[in-house]
């Protein structure tokens, strides 16, 4: 009889420990967010960038903000709004921590030349609290 009670106690303790470990893992998952990285959604491609310039733009984006600035300095005259404004806003967001004054200047320039019916308006509104 003592052996049976001992076995039952051991089984109950094992199940309780397993339950505690499962709940602990569940709480950690909730606190740390999802385990899988969020899906990267490609932004809609706005008109105004010639097809031949898409690849150099992507390369500049991969290299970082200085390369994007160099790309804009070199090719901005070949890019039209709204895509030009979109690329400039991307650049402004990427330099936000290092050069807030320049980021604000870019935001104001894009906002000044963007018409009310532009597809950039929602993004400008979203960034307004940061740059104004």
Protein backbone atom coordinates (compact mmCIF):
# COMPACT_ATOMS: atom_id res chain seq x y z
CA UNK A 1 0.00 0.00 0.00
CA UNK A 2 2.85 2.40 0.84
CA UNK A 3 4.43 1.71 -2.54
CA UNK A 4 1.18 2.48 -4.36
CA UNK A 5 0.76 5.76 -2.48
CA UNK A 6 4.39 6.67 -3.23
CA UNK A 7 3.89 5.97 -6.94
CA UNK A 8 0.69 8.07 -7.03
CA UNK A 9 2.47 10.96 -5.26
CA UNK A 10 5.38 10.79 -7.72
CA UNK A 11 3.03 10.74 -10.73
CA UNK A 12 1.02 13.69 -9.38
CA UNK A 13 4.22 15.68 -8.72
CA UNK A 14 5.48 14.91 -12.24
CA UNK A 15 2.22 16.06 -13.83
CA UNK A 16 2.17 19.22 -11.70
CA UNK A 17 5.75 20.05 -12.64
CA UNK A 18 5.02 19.47 -16.32
CA UNK A 19 1.97 21.75 -16.10
CA UNK A 20 4.01 24.49 -14.40
CA UNK A 21 6.71 24.30 -17.10
CA UNK A 22 4.08 24.50 -19.87
CA UNK A 23 2.46 27.56 -18.30
CA UNK A 24 5.86 29.20 -17.81
CA UNK A 25 6.69 28.70 -21.50
CA UNK A 26 3.30 30.11 -22.49
CA UNK A 27 3.84 33.24 -20.39
CA UNK A 28 7.32 33.72 -21.89
CA UNK A 29 5.90 33.42 -25.41
CA UNK A 30 3.29 36.06 -24.64
CA UNK A 31 5.85 38.45 -23.17
CA UNK A 32 8.44 37.98 -25.93
CA UNK A 33 5.92 38.25 -28.75
CA UNK A 34 5.63 35.83 -31.63
CA UNK A 35 8.48 33.41 -32.14
CA UNK A 36 8.32 33.64 -35.91
CA UNK A 37 9.43 36.92 -37.46
CA UNK A 38 6.66 39.03 -38.95
CA UNK A 39 6.07 38.73 -42.65
CA UNK A 40 7.72 41.39 -44.73
CA UNK A 41 5.12 43.02 -46.89
CA UNK A 42 6.41 44.77 -49.96
CA UNK A 43 5.15 48.32 -50.19
CA UNK A 44 3.05 49.17 -53.19
CA UNK A 45 5.18 50.37 -56.04
CA UNK A 46 4.36 53.96 -56.75
CA UNK A 47 4.73 55.40 -60.25
CA UNK A 48 7.56 57.72 -61.14
CA UNK A 49 10.67 55.53 -61.08
CA UNK A 50 11.98 54.27 -64.42
CA UNK A 51 12.39 50.49 -64.53
CA UNK A 52 16.11 50.73 -65.21
CA UNK A 53 16.58 52.61 -61.92
CA UNK A 54 14.86 50.09 -59.66
CA UNK A 55 17.94 47.90 -59.29
CA UNK A 56 20.34 50.77 -58.40
CA UNK A 57 17.79 52.02 -55.88
CA UNK A 58 17.54 48.62 -54.20
CA UNK A 59 21.33 48.37 -54.05
CA UNK A 60 21.52 51.81 -52.46
CA UNK A 61 18.88 50.84 -49.89
CA UNK A 62 20.88 47.73 -48.98
CA UNK A 63 24.06 49.81 -48.52
CA UNK A 64 22.39 52.25 -46.14
CA UNK A 65 21.46 55.92 -45.80
CA UNK A 66 24.67 57.43 -47.27
CA UNK A 67 24.21 55.37 -50.44
CA UNK A 68 20.54 56.39 -50.68
CA UNK A 69 21.56 60.06 -50.33
CA UNK A 70 24.14 59.61 -53.10
CA UNK A 71 21.50 57.89 -55.26
CA UNK A 72 19.07 60.76 -54.71
CA UNK A 73 21.73 63.36 -55.46
CA UNK A 74 22.61 61.61 -58.69
CA UNK A 75 19.20 60.49 -59.99
CA UNK A 76 16.52 62.68 -58.36
CA UNK A 77 16.05 64.60 -61.59
CA UNK A 78 15.08 61.34 -63.34
CA UNK A 79 12.54 60.27 -60.71
CA UNK A 80 9.07 61.79 -60.48
CA UNK A 81 6.62 62.09 -57.64
CA UNK A 82 5.06 60.20 -55.93
CA UNK A 83 7.93 57.70 -56.02
CA UNK A 84 10.54 60.40 -55.45
CA UNK A 85 8.71 61.54 -52.34
CA UNK A 86 8.41 57.96 -51.16
CA UNK A 87 12.15 57.33 -51.52
CA UNK A 88 12.94 60.64 -49.81
CA UNK A 89 10.64 59.78 -46.91
CA UNK A 90 12.34 56.38 -46.60
CA UNK A 91 15.66 58.19 -46.44
CA UNK A 92 14.34 60.66 -43.85
CA UNK A 93 13.10 57.83 -41.64
CA UNK A 94 16.46 56.04 -41.93
CA UNK A 95 18.42 59.13 -40.80
CA UNK A 96 15.92 60.16 -38.14
CA UNK A 97 18.24 59.29 -35.23
CA UNK A 98 21.46 60.55 -36.73
CA UNK A 99 20.26 63.83 -38.30
CA UNK A 100 16.79 64.88 -37.23
CA UNK A 101 17.16 68.37 -38.71
CA UNK A 102 17.81 67.01 -42.21
CA UNK A 103 14.99 64.49 -41.83
CA UNK A 104 12.59 67.31 -40.93
CA UNK A 105 13.81 69.39 -43.87
CA UNK A 106 13.20 66.49 -46.28
CA UNK A 107 9.74 65.87 -44.79
CA UNK A 108 8.78 69.53 -45.22
CA UNK A 109 10.05 69.60 -48.81
CA UNK A 110 8.08 66.47 -49.72
CA UNK A 111 4.96 67.77 -47.98
CA UNK A 112 5.20 71.14 -49.74
CA UNK A 113 5.22 69.62 -53.21
CA UNK A 114 2.70 66.81 -52.57
CA UNK A 115 -0.82 67.47 -53.88
CA UNK A 116 -3.86 66.63 -51.74
CA UNK A 117 -4.83 63.62 -53.89
CA UNK A 118 -1.37 62.00 -53.80
CA UNK A 119 -0.95 58.41 -52.56
CA UNK A 120 1.74 59.81 -50.20
CA UNK A 121 -0.77 61.75 -48.09
CA UNK A 122 -1.49 58.87 -45.63
CA UNK A 123 2.23 58.36 -45.07
CA UNK A 124 2.81 62.09 -44.59
CA UNK A 125 0.00 62.20 -42.04
CA UNK A 126 1.51 59.23 -40.22
CA UNK A 127 4.92 60.93 -40.03
CA UNK A 128 3.56 64.38 -39.16
CA UNK A 129 3.90 64.02 -35.38
CA UNK A 130 7.55 63.01 -35.76
CA UNK A 131 8.71 65.76 -38.11
CA UNK A 132 6.58 68.80 -37.30
